[in-house]
Protein backbone atom coordinates (compact mmCIF):
# COMPACT_ATOMS: atom_id res chain seq x y z
CA MET A 1 94.45 90.16 199.61
CA ILE A 2 97.01 90.06 202.41
CA ALA A 3 100.79 90.35 202.06
CA ILE A 4 103.38 90.13 204.82
CA LEU A 5 106.83 91.63 204.44
CA SER A 6 109.29 90.30 207.04
CA ILE A 7 112.75 91.70 207.61
CA ASP A 8 114.83 89.71 210.10
CA ASN A 9 117.86 91.02 211.97
CA HIS A 10 116.70 94.60 211.57
CA LYS A 11 116.81 97.05 214.46
CA VAL A 12 113.64 99.06 213.97
CA ILE A 13 113.98 102.83 213.74
CA SER A 14 112.20 104.81 216.44
CA TRP A 15 111.24 108.46 216.43
CA ASN A 16 113.84 108.90 219.18
CA ASP A 17 116.52 107.39 216.90
CA LEU A 18 115.47 109.61 214.03
CA TYR A 19 115.39 112.87 215.96
CA SER A 20 118.35 112.26 218.27
CA SER A 21 120.61 113.69 215.58
CA PRO A 22 120.50 117.46 215.38
CA HIS A 23 121.52 117.46 211.72
CA TRP A 24 119.00 116.85 208.93
CA THR A 25 121.51 114.97 206.76
CA THR A 26 121.84 112.22 209.36
CA ARG A 27 118.05 111.87 209.54
CA LYS A 28 117.83 111.79 205.74
CA THR A 29 120.48 109.07 205.57
CA MET A 30 118.55 106.97 208.11
CA ALA A 31 115.32 107.44 206.17
CA ASP A 32 116.98 106.62 202.84
CA GLU A 33 118.47 103.42 204.30
CA VAL A 34 115.07 102.23 205.57
CA HIS A 35 113.39 103.10 202.25
CA ALA A 36 116.05 101.15 200.33
CA LEU A 37 115.84 98.15 202.68
CA VAL A 38 112.05 97.94 202.44
CA LYS A 39 112.19 98.30 198.66
CA PHE A 40 114.87 95.60 198.34
CA GLU A 41 113.01 93.18 200.60
CA ALA A 42 109.60 93.86 199.03
CA ILE A 43 110.97 93.10 195.58
CA GLY A 44 112.89 90.05 196.81
CA GLN A 45 109.88 88.68 198.67
CA GLU A 46 107.64 89.43 195.67
CA ILE A 47 105.17 91.53 197.65
CA PRO A 48 102.32 92.32 195.22
CA HIS A 49 101.03 95.74 194.22
CA PHE A 50 97.83 96.88 195.95
CA ASP A 51 95.35 98.87 193.83
CA ASN A 52 92.74 99.30 196.57
CA PRO A 53 92.88 101.18 199.88
CA VAL A 54 94.86 99.26 202.51
CA ARG A 55 95.34 98.72 206.20
CA ILE A 56 98.93 98.41 207.41
CA ASN A 57 99.93 96.61 210.61
CA ILE A 58 103.55 96.90 211.67
CA THR A 59 105.08 94.66 214.34
CA ALA A 60 108.58 95.28 215.69
CA GLY A 61 110.39 92.51 217.49
CA LYS A 62 113.24 93.46 219.79
CA VAL A 63 115.66 91.27 221.69
CA ARG A 64 115.82 93.52 224.70
CA LEU A 65 113.03 95.78 225.87
CA PRO A 66 110.36 96.25 223.23
CA ILE A 67 110.06 99.72 221.76
CA ASP A 68 107.02 101.80 222.72
CA PRO A 69 104.48 101.15 219.94
CA ASP A 70 103.88 104.87 219.43
CA ASN A 71 107.65 105.41 219.08
CA LEU A 72 107.95 103.10 216.06
CA CYS A 73 108.66 105.30 213.05
CA SER A 74 106.07 103.71 210.76
CA LYS A 75 106.30 106.55 208.23
CA LEU A 76 109.74 105.44 207.06
CA TYR A 77 108.56 101.90 206.40
CA ILE A 78 105.38 102.98 204.64
CA ASP A 79 107.36 105.37 202.44
CA GLY A 80 109.52 102.35 201.56
CA LEU A 81 106.38 100.48 200.44
CA VAL A 82 105.57 103.42 198.16
CA GLY A 83 109.12 103.38 196.78
CA ALA A 84 108.83 99.65 196.12
CA GLY A 85 105.56 100.12 194.24
CA VAL A 86 103.58 98.03 196.73
CA ILE A 87 101.20 100.95 197.25
CA ASP A 88 100.84 103.99 195.00
CA ASP A 89 100.88 106.59 197.77
CA ASP A 90 100.50 106.87 201.53
CA ASN A 91 97.75 109.48 201.46
CA TYR A 92 94.45 109.18 203.33
CA ASN A 93 92.64 107.83 200.26
CA LEU A 94 94.91 104.78 200.02
CA VAL A 95 96.15 104.08 203.55
CA MET A 96 93.07 103.84 205.71
CA GLU A 97 94.69 102.66 208.94
CA VAL A 98 98.15 102.11 210.41
CA THR A 99 98.73 100.15 213.61
CA THR A 100 102.00 99.50 215.37
CA LYS A 101 102.86 96.80 217.85
CA SER A 102 106.04 95.89 219.66
CA VAL A 103 107.02 92.53 221.13
CA LYS A 104 109.96 90.96 222.89
CA SER A 105 111.64 88.52 220.54
CA ALA A 106 114.60 86.18 220.12
CA ILE A 107 115.77 88.33 217.17
CA ASN A 108 115.28 91.90 216.04
CA TYR A 109 112.81 92.10 213.15
CA ILE A 110 110.05 94.07 211.56
CA GLU A 111 106.93 92.61 210.01
CA ILE A 112 104.65 94.70 207.82
CA GLU A 113 101.23 93.29 207.01
CA ILE A 114 99.33 94.94 204.18
CA THR A 115 95.68 94.08 203.64
CA ASP A 116 93.11 95.53 201.29
CA ASP A 117 89.99 94.18 203.01
CA VAL A 118 89.14 97.69 204.15
């Protein structure tokens, strides 16, 4: 099974964004906002629950310069999938692989592809 969660007009969060604030409450607020957004969109787009181990591919589209793929804060988005009930946990038994990609785009967006053909 493959499911694709797309969130348009979203400026992806980078590790630089997350750690540029010296105060933990700002970082927690950013994380909570991403978790809530992913949960809301996953429910609205009727992303199914995955019982088996999965592979997750995350693509970030940016209007200006693409973000460095290793700077994309995938953890926040995957934690949002857990919060939405798409996956039960993000441990090594259930999430077998995570890849990140960044592209130049006409709009800012994030696309999260979940597949259980591991």
